[in-house]
Protein backbone atom coordinates (compact mmCIF):
# COMPACT_ATOMS: atom_id res chain seq x y z
CA UNK A 1 177.38 109.59 268.19
CA UNK A 2 176.76 106.69 265.88
CA UNK A 3 176.70 106.60 262.07
CA UNK A 4 172.90 106.88 261.89
CA UNK A 5 172.88 110.18 263.80
CA UNK A 6 175.77 111.51 261.68
CA UNK A 7 173.79 110.65 258.53
CA UNK A 8 170.69 112.44 259.90
CA UNK A 9 172.79 115.53 260.56
CA UNK A 10 174.19 115.54 257.03
CA UNK A 11 170.69 115.25 255.55
CA UNK A 12 169.57 118.51 257.15
CA UNK A 13 168.61 121.09 254.56
CA UNK A 14 170.23 124.27 255.83
CA UNK A 15 169.15 127.41 254.01
CA UNK A 16 170.78 130.79 254.47
CA UNK A 17 168.98 133.17 256.82
CA UNK A 18 169.63 136.59 255.26
CA UNK A 19 167.29 138.44 257.63
CA UNK A 20 168.96 136.83 260.64
CA UNK A 21 172.18 138.78 260.16
CA UNK A 22 170.33 142.07 259.88
CA UNK A 23 168.26 141.12 262.93
CA UNK A 24 171.42 140.58 264.98
CA UNK A 25 173.05 143.82 263.79
CA UNK A 26 170.01 145.91 264.76
CA UNK A 27 169.59 144.14 268.10
CA UNK A 28 173.30 144.62 268.78
CA UNK A 29 172.86 148.36 268.27
CA UNK A 30 169.76 148.46 270.48
CA UNK A 31 171.54 146.52 273.25
CA UNK A 32 174.88 148.33 272.83
CA UNK A 33 176.79 145.13 272.15
CA UNK A 34 178.76 143.58 269.31
CA UNK A 35 176.95 140.52 267.93
CA UNK A 36 178.70 137.39 266.73
CA UNK A 37 177.62 136.99 263.10
CA UNK A 38 178.57 134.52 260.38
CA UNK A 39 181.75 132.54 261.02
CA UNK A 40 182.15 134.26 264.41
CA UNK A 41 178.96 132.58 265.67
CA UNK A 42 180.39 129.15 266.41
CA UNK A 43 180.14 126.86 269.43
CA UNK A 44 183.51 127.81 270.89
CA UNK A 45 182.55 131.52 270.85
CA UNK A 46 179.22 130.68 272.45
CA UNK A 47 180.86 128.71 275.27
CA UNK A 48 183.54 131.38 275.71
CA UNK A 49 180.99 134.14 276.25
CA UNK A 50 177.76 132.57 277.53
CA UNK A 51 178.55 132.19 281.21
CA UNK A 52 179.34 135.90 281.65
CA UNK A 53 176.50 137.25 279.50
CA UNK A 54 173.40 138.83 281.04
CA UNK A 55 171.56 138.38 277.75
CA UNK A 56 171.94 135.80 274.97
CA UNK A 57 170.20 136.17 271.61
CA UNK A 58 170.54 133.27 269.17
CA UNK A 59 169.21 133.67 265.63
CA UNK A 60 169.76 130.49 263.66
CA UNK A 61 168.19 127.19 262.60
CA UNK A 62 166.82 124.95 265.32
CA UNK A 63 165.72 121.34 264.93
CA UNK A 64 164.73 118.21 266.80
CA UNK A 65 165.57 114.62 265.94
CA UNK A 66 162.92 112.61 267.75
CA UNK A 67 164.10 109.18 266.72
CA UNK A 68 165.41 105.88 268.06
CA UNK A 69 168.96 107.21 267.65
CA UNK A 70 168.35 109.77 270.38
CA UNK A 71 165.91 107.77 272.53
CA UNK A 72 168.45 107.29 275.34
CA UNK A 73 169.82 110.85 275.17
CA UNK A 74 167.08 113.04 273.67
CA UNK A 75 168.86 116.25 274.70
CA UNK A 76 171.54 115.40 272.12
CA UNK A 77 168.91 115.40 269.38
CA UNK A 78 167.62 118.92 270.13
CA UNK A 79 169.94 121.55 268.74
CA UNK A 80 170.77 124.88 267.15
CA UNK A 81 172.93 125.14 264.03
CA UNK A 82 176.05 127.24 264.60
CA UNK A 83 178.51 128.47 261.96
CA UNK A 84 180.81 125.46 262.43
CA UNK A 85 178.14 123.21 260.87
CA UNK A 86 179.14 124.17 257.33
CA UNK A 87 182.78 123.30 258.03
CA UNK A 88 181.87 119.95 259.56
CA UNK A 89 179.51 119.17 256.67
CA UNK A 90 182.31 119.53 254.11
CA UNK A 91 184.79 117.59 256.24
CA UNK A 92 186.69 120.39 258.01
CA UNK A 93 186.09 119.11 261.55
CA UNK A 94 187.44 121.09 264.49
CA UNK A 95 187.54 119.87 268.06
CA UNK A 96 186.20 123.17 269.46
CA UNK A 97 183.16 123.29 267.18
CA UNK A 98 182.51 119.58 266.64
CA UNK A 99 179.72 119.14 264.12
CA UNK A 100 178.62 122.75 264.61
CA UNK A 101 175.38 121.88 266.38
CA UNK A 102 174.82 123.31 269.85
CA UNK A 103 172.75 120.65 271.60
CA UNK A 104 170.36 121.00 274.50
CA UNK A 105 172.59 118.53 276.34
CA UNK A 106 175.61 120.84 275.95
CA UNK A 107 173.57 123.85 277.04
CA UNK A 108 172.53 122.13 280.28
CA UNK A 109 176.24 121.72 281.14
CA UNK A 110 176.86 125.49 281.18
CA UNK A 111 176.42 127.87 284.11
CA UNK A 112 173.95 130.56 283.05
CA UNK A 113 173.01 131.85 286.50
CA UNK A 114 174.15 135.36 285.45
CA UNK A 115 171.97 135.25 282.31
CA UNK A 116 168.77 137.22 282.78
CA UNK A 117 167.33 136.64 279.31
CA UNK A 118 167.82 134.11 276.52
CA UNK A 119 166.03 134.71 273.23
CA UNK A 120 166.11 131.81 270.79
CA UNK A 121 165.08 133.17 267.41
CA UNK A 122 164.75 129.83 265.61
CA UNK A 123 162.27 127.15 264.69
CA UNK A 124 160.91 124.73 267.33
CA UNK A 125 163.12 126.10 270.11
CA UNK A 126 160.32 125.66 272.68
CA UNK A 127 158.97 122.38 271.28
CA UNK A 128 159.29 119.43 273.60
CA UNK A 129 160.51 115.88 273.17
CA UNK A 130 159.50 113.24 275.71
CA UNK A 131 162.26 111.28 277.38
CA UNK A 132 161.71 107.64 278.33
CA UNK A 133 160.77 108.66 281.87
CA UNK A 134 158.04 111.00 280.58
CA UNK A 135 160.10 114.13 281.23
CA UNK A 136 159.81 116.89 278.61
CA UNK A 137 162.97 118.39 277.16
CA UNK A 138 163.54 121.32 274.79
CA UNK A 139 166.07 124.03 273.99
CA UNK A 140 164.08 126.43 276.16
CA UNK A 141 164.17 123.93 279.01
CA UNK A 142 167.90 123.36 278.57
CA UNK A 143 168.64 127.07 279.00
CA UNK A 144 166.43 127.19 282.07
CA UNK A 145 168.10 124.08 283.50
CA UNK A 146 171.46 125.83 283.00
CA UNK A 147 170.21 128.70 285.17
CA UNK A 148 168.91 131.33 282.72
CA UNK A 149 166.25 133.45 284.38
CA UNK A 150 163.89 133.90 281.41
CA UNK A 151 163.71 132.33 277.96
CA UNK A 152 161.81 133.41 274.85
CA UNK A 153 161.42 130.67 272.23
CA UNK A 154 159.16 129.42 269.40
CA UNK A 155 156.88 126.39 269.37
CA UNK A 156 156.73 126.04 265.60
CA UNK A 157 158.61 126.73 262.38
CA UNK A 158 159.12 130.43 261.79
CA UNK A 159 159.84 132.59 258.73
CA UNK A 160 163.29 134.23 258.74
CA UNK A 161 162.22 137.77 257.78
CA UNK A 162 159.01 137.81 259.84
CA UNK A 163 160.97 136.60 262.86
CA UNK A 164 163.62 139.27 262.32
CA UNK A 165 160.95 141.99 262.33
CA UNK A 166 159.29 140.53 265.45
CA UNK A 167 162.61 140.28 267.30
CA UNK A 168 163.60 143.87 266.48
CA UNK A 169 160.20 145.11 267.68
CA UNK A 170 160.57 143.00 270.84
CA UNK A 171 163.94 144.58 271.68
CA UNK A 172 162.79 148.10 270.77
CA UNK A 173 159.95 147.66 273.24
CA UNK A 174 162.24 146.07 275.85
CA UNK A 175 164.85 148.85 275.61
CA UNK A 176 162.47 151.75 274.96
CA UNK A 177 163.72 154.71 276.95
């Protein structure tokens, strides 16, 4: 990536999502799984586990850079913030986590044919960006292109606590015995 895209990334205002952690803990209990929360939720952990997971739930910040910087590769400008972002931002770069942003481009390079459901609990995760050829691309589309069977995502900015409540209700309904 060039300097302009690096500067855009550093200008992101990343607020804590206190309800997100609680959301993931409750959903983990409902789904009988151990969620990756905080520093555990980095790109390397995602890639390590995603291709064998039947369900993926991501609760984090999502964003789109629809600019000239990403005109040739728009999938690189659509991303989710992972825990490694904070380390990259303060100069503690790691090869496994890069800048801490999981891009739609990286998602399309995974094999998610075993994944029955992806839930992206973040802002603009279903919003589209037009590529030069008129093709629409989004985080939702990237997961589907990687082979995920179904994807739940948001078209707009969402409130952390309201989203947490909605997601817990969604999973309670989904796993209601």
